[in-house]
Amino acid sequence: MRIEIVTPDKKIFEGDIKSVRVPGKKGSFQVLKDHAPIVSTLETGSVILVDPDGKETIFEIEGGVIEVKANKIILLADSVR
């Protein structure tokens, strides 16, 4: 899967991942390969990326929106700490 994390100011991250866990409005959820298409709002919290080698990278966001479609993920964060 490919993910792009952007804020109104700049692109924070772009790359291939195995999974991502995000803080959804109704609780955190994970996106894996071939996930159904979804658009969801996000709360303040941790975005945890797992790369193809199993290494985790964590970003703290201040809310936003995520779109998942055809193994392409776009995460629009209000801000990243």
N, C-alpha and C. Protein backbone atom coordinates (compact mmCIF):
# COMPACT_ATOMS: atom_id res chain seq x y z
N MET A 1 0.84 -1.18 0.00
CA MET A 1 0.00 0.00 0.00
C MET A 1 0.88 1.24 0.00
N ARG A 2 0.33 2.30 -0.45
CA ARG A 2 1.04 3.58 -0.49
C ARG A 2 0.27 4.58 0.37
N ILE A 3 0.99 5.36 1.18
CA ILE A 3 0.33 6.38 2.01
C ILE A 3 0.99 7.72 1.79
N GLU A 4 0.17 8.74 1.87
CA GLU A 4 0.65 10.13 1.82
C GLU A 4 0.01 10.85 3.00
N ILE A 5 0.84 11.46 3.85
CA ILE A 5 0.35 12.24 4.99
C ILE A 5 0.69 13.69 4.73
N VAL A 6 -0.35 14.53 4.69
CA VAL A 6 -0.15 15.95 4.38
C VAL A 6 -0.89 16.82 5.39
N THR A 7 -0.36 18.02 5.59
CA THR A 7 -1.02 19.05 6.38
C THR A 7 -1.33 20.20 5.42
N PRO A 8 -2.04 21.23 5.88
CA PRO A 8 -2.27 22.37 4.99
C PRO A 8 -0.97 23.04 4.53
N ASP A 9 0.13 22.85 5.28
CA ASP A 9 1.39 23.51 4.95
C ASP A 9 2.34 22.69 4.10
N LYS A 10 2.38 21.36 4.31
CA LYS A 10 3.40 20.57 3.61
C LYS A 10 3.09 19.08 3.65
N LYS A 11 3.82 18.33 2.83
CA LYS A 11 3.75 16.87 2.85
C LYS A 11 4.66 16.38 3.96
N ILE A 12 4.12 15.56 4.86
CA ILE A 12 4.86 15.06 6.02
C ILE A 12 5.55 13.74 5.70
N PHE A 13 4.86 12.86 4.97
CA PHE A 13 5.40 11.53 4.69
C PHE A 13 4.75 10.98 3.44
N GLU A 14 5.53 10.22 2.67
CA GLU A 14 4.98 9.46 1.55
C GLU A 14 5.81 8.20 1.41
N GLY A 15 5.15 7.07 1.29
CA GLY A 15 5.90 5.82 1.13
C GLY A 15 5.02 4.60 1.17
N ASP A 16 5.67 3.44 1.01
CA ASP A 16 4.98 2.15 1.04
C ASP A 16 4.90 1.65 2.48
N ILE A 17 3.75 1.09 2.84
CA ILE A 17 3.54 0.56 4.18
C ILE A 17 2.83 -0.78 4.11
N LYS A 18 2.91 -1.51 5.24
CA LYS A 18 2.18 -2.77 5.38
C LYS A 18 0.83 -2.53 6.06
N SER A 19 0.81 -1.57 7.02
CA SER A 19 -0.44 -1.24 7.71
C SER A 19 -0.34 0.15 8.33
N VAL A 20 -1.51 0.70 8.68
CA VAL A 20 -1.56 1.97 9.40
C VAL A 20 -2.70 1.89 10.40
N ARG A 21 -2.46 2.40 11.62
CA ARG A 21 -3.50 2.51 12.64
C ARG A 21 -3.73 4.00 12.88
N VAL A 22 -5.02 4.40 12.85
CA VAL A 22 -5.37 5.81 12.98
C VAL A 22 -6.43 6.01 14.06
N PRO A 23 -6.48 7.22 14.64
CA PRO A 23 -7.48 7.52 15.69
C PRO A 23 -8.80 8.01 15.08
N GLY A 24 -9.70 7.10 14.77
CA GLY A 24 -11.00 7.48 14.21
C GLY A 24 -11.90 8.13 15.24
N LYS A 25 -12.94 8.80 14.79
CA LYS A 25 -13.89 9.47 15.69
C LYS A 25 -14.57 8.50 16.64
N LYS A 26 -14.78 7.25 16.19
CA LYS A 26 -15.46 6.25 17.03
C LYS A 26 -14.48 5.18 17.52
N GLY A 27 -13.22 5.54 17.59
CA GLY A 27 -12.20 4.61 18.05
C GLY A 27 -11.14 4.37 16.98
N SER A 28 -9.99 3.90 17.41
CA SER A 28 -8.91 3.71 16.45
C SER A 28 -9.22 2.50 15.57
N PHE A 29 -8.69 2.52 14.34
CA PHE A 29 -8.86 1.39 13.43
C PHE A 29 -7.61 1.24 12.58
N GLN A 30 -7.47 0.03 12.03
CA GLN A 30 -6.29 -0.31 11.25
C GLN A 30 -6.69 -0.53 9.80
N VAL A 31 -5.80 -0.12 8.90
CA VAL A 31 -6.00 -0.34 7.47
C VAL A 31 -4.90 -1.27 6.99
N LEU A 32 -5.31 -2.37 6.36
CA LEU A 32 -4.38 -3.34 5.77
C LEU A 32 -4.60 -3.38 4.26
N LYS A 33 -3.74 -4.11 3.56
CA LYS A 33 -3.84 -4.24 2.11
C LYS A 33 -5.23 -4.71 1.70
N ASP A 34 -5.73 -4.15 0.60
CA ASP A 34 -7.04 -4.48 0.03
C ASP A 34 -8.22 -4.11 0.94
N HIS A 35 -8.03 -3.11 1.80
CA HIS A 35 -9.12 -2.60 2.64
C HIS A 35 -10.22 -2.02 1.75
N ALA A 36 -11.44 -2.16 2.19
CA ALA A 36 -12.57 -1.56 1.46
C ALA A 36 -12.39 -0.04 1.40
N PRO A 37 -12.88 0.59 0.34
CA PRO A 37 -12.80 2.05 0.26
C PRO A 37 -13.52 2.69 1.46
N ILE A 38 -12.90 3.74 2.00
CA ILE A 38 -13.46 4.41 3.17
C ILE A 38 -12.98 5.85 3.22
N VAL A 39 -13.83 6.71 3.75
CA VAL A 39 -13.45 8.08 4.11
C VAL A 39 -13.90 8.25 5.56
N SER A 40 -13.00 8.71 6.43
CA SER A 40 -13.33 8.84 7.84
C SER A 40 -12.67 10.07 8.43
N THR A 41 -13.35 10.69 9.39
CA THR A 41 -12.73 11.79 10.13
C THR A 41 -11.86 11.21 11.23
N LEU A 42 -10.85 11.96 11.63
CA LEU A 42 -9.90 11.50 12.63
C LEU A 42 -9.86 12.45 13.82
N GLU A 43 -9.58 11.89 14.98
CA GLU A 43 -9.41 12.64 16.22
C GLU A 43 -7.92 12.94 16.44
N THR A 44 -7.63 13.73 17.45
CA THR A 44 -6.25 13.92 17.89
C THR A 44 -5.73 12.59 18.43
N GLY A 45 -4.53 12.21 18.02
CA GLY A 45 -3.95 10.97 18.50
C GLY A 45 -2.80 10.49 17.65
N SER A 46 -2.46 9.21 17.81
CA SER A 46 -1.30 8.64 17.14
C SER A 46 -1.68 7.94 15.84
N VAL A 47 -0.87 8.19 14.81
CA VAL A 47 -0.94 7.46 13.55
C VAL A 47 0.29 6.55 13.56
N ILE A 48 0.06 5.25 13.50
CA ILE A 48 1.16 4.28 13.57
C ILE A 48 1.31 3.58 12.23
N LEU A 49 2.41 3.86 11.56
CA LEU A 49 2.71 3.22 10.28
C LEU A 49 3.62 2.03 10.52
N VAL A 50 3.38 0.94 9.81
CA VAL A 50 4.28 -0.22 9.83
C VAL A 50 4.76 -0.42 8.40
N ASP A 51 6.09 -0.30 8.21
CA ASP A 51 6.64 -0.44 6.86
C ASP A 51 6.74 -1.92 6.48
N PRO A 52 7.06 -2.22 5.21
CA PRO A 52 7.12 -3.61 4.76
C PRO A 52 8.10 -4.48 5.56
N ASP A 53 9.09 -3.88 6.23
CA ASP A 53 10.05 -4.63 7.04
C ASP A 53 9.59 -4.80 8.50
N GLY A 54 8.43 -4.22 8.85
CA GLY A 54 7.90 -4.34 10.21
C GLY A 54 8.28 -3.21 11.15
N LYS A 55 9.01 -2.20 10.66
CA LYS A 55 9.42 -1.06 11.50
C LYS A 55 8.26 -0.09 11.66
N GLU A 56 8.03 0.36 12.90
CA GLU A 56 6.95 1.31 13.18
C GLU A 56 7.46 2.75 13.16
N THR A 57 6.63 3.63 12.61
CA THR A 57 6.86 5.07 12.66
C THR A 57 5.58 5.68 13.20
N ILE A 58 5.71 6.58 14.17
CA ILE A 58 4.53 7.16 14.81
C ILE A 58 4.50 8.68 14.58
N PHE A 59 3.34 9.17 14.18
CA PHE A 59 3.09 10.60 14.03
C PHE A 59 1.93 10.96 14.95
N GLU A 60 2.03 12.08 15.64
CA GLU A 60 0.93 12.59 16.47
C GLU A 60 0.18 13.64 15.66
N ILE A 61 -1.11 13.42 15.43
CA ILE A 61 -1.89 14.37 14.63
C ILE A 61 -2.91 15.08 15.51
N GLU A 62 -3.38 16.21 15.02
CA GLU A 62 -4.41 17.01 15.69
C GLU A 62 -5.69 16.96 14.86
N GLY A 63 -6.19 15.77 14.60
CA GLY A 63 -7.42 15.61 13.83
C GLY A 63 -7.15 15.64 12.33
N GLY A 64 -8.17 15.26 11.56
CA GLY A 64 -8.04 15.27 10.11
C GLY A 64 -9.02 14.33 9.45
N VAL A 65 -8.66 13.90 8.24
CA VAL A 65 -9.50 13.03 7.42
C VAL A 65 -8.60 12.01 6.75
N ILE A 66 -9.10 10.76 6.61
CA ILE A 66 -8.37 9.73 5.88
C ILE A 66 -9.25 9.19 4.76
N GLU A 67 -8.63 8.96 3.61
CA GLU A 67 -9.32 8.32 2.48
C GLU A 67 -8.51 7.10 2.08
N VAL A 68 -9.18 5.97 1.94
CA VAL A 68 -8.55 4.73 1.51
C VAL A 68 -9.27 4.27 0.25
N LYS A 69 -8.50 4.02 -0.81
CA LYS A 69 -9.10 3.58 -2.07
C LYS A 69 -8.04 2.88 -2.89
N ALA A 70 -8.28 1.62 -3.25
CA ALA A 70 -7.39 0.84 -4.14
C ALA A 70 -5.95 0.82 -3.63
N ASN A 71 -5.77 0.52 -2.34
CA ASN A 71 -4.44 0.44 -1.71
C ASN A 71 -3.65 1.74 -1.75
N LYS A 72 -4.36 2.87 -1.89
CA LYS A 72 -3.75 4.20 -1.81
C LYS A 72 -4.44 4.93 -0.67
N ILE A 73 -3.65 5.44 0.26
CA ILE A 73 -4.19 6.12 1.44
C ILE A 73 -3.73 7.56 1.44
N ILE A 74 -4.67 8.47 1.61
CA ILE A 74 -4.35 9.88 1.77
C ILE A 74 -4.86 10.31 3.14
N LEU A 75 -3.96 10.80 3.98
CA LEU A 75 -4.32 11.27 5.31
C LEU A 75 -4.07 12.78 5.34
N LEU A 76 -5.15 13.54 5.48
CA LEU A 76 -5.06 15.00 5.57
C LEU A 76 -5.17 15.37 7.04
N ALA A 77 -4.05 15.75 7.64
CA ALA A 77 -4.03 16.08 9.07
C ALA A 77 -4.12 17.58 9.26
N ASP A 78 -4.88 18.01 10.29
CA ASP A 78 -4.94 19.43 10.60
C ASP A 78 -3.55 19.94 10.97
N SER A 79 -2.81 19.15 11.76
CA SER A 79 -1.40 19.43 12.06
C SER A 79 -0.76 18.16 12.58
N VAL A 80 0.55 18.11 12.50
CA VAL A 80 1.33 16.97 12.99
C VAL A 80 2.34 17.49 13.99
N ARG A 81 2.37 16.87 15.19
CA ARG A 81 3.32 17.26 16.22
C ARG A 81 4.54 16.37 16.15
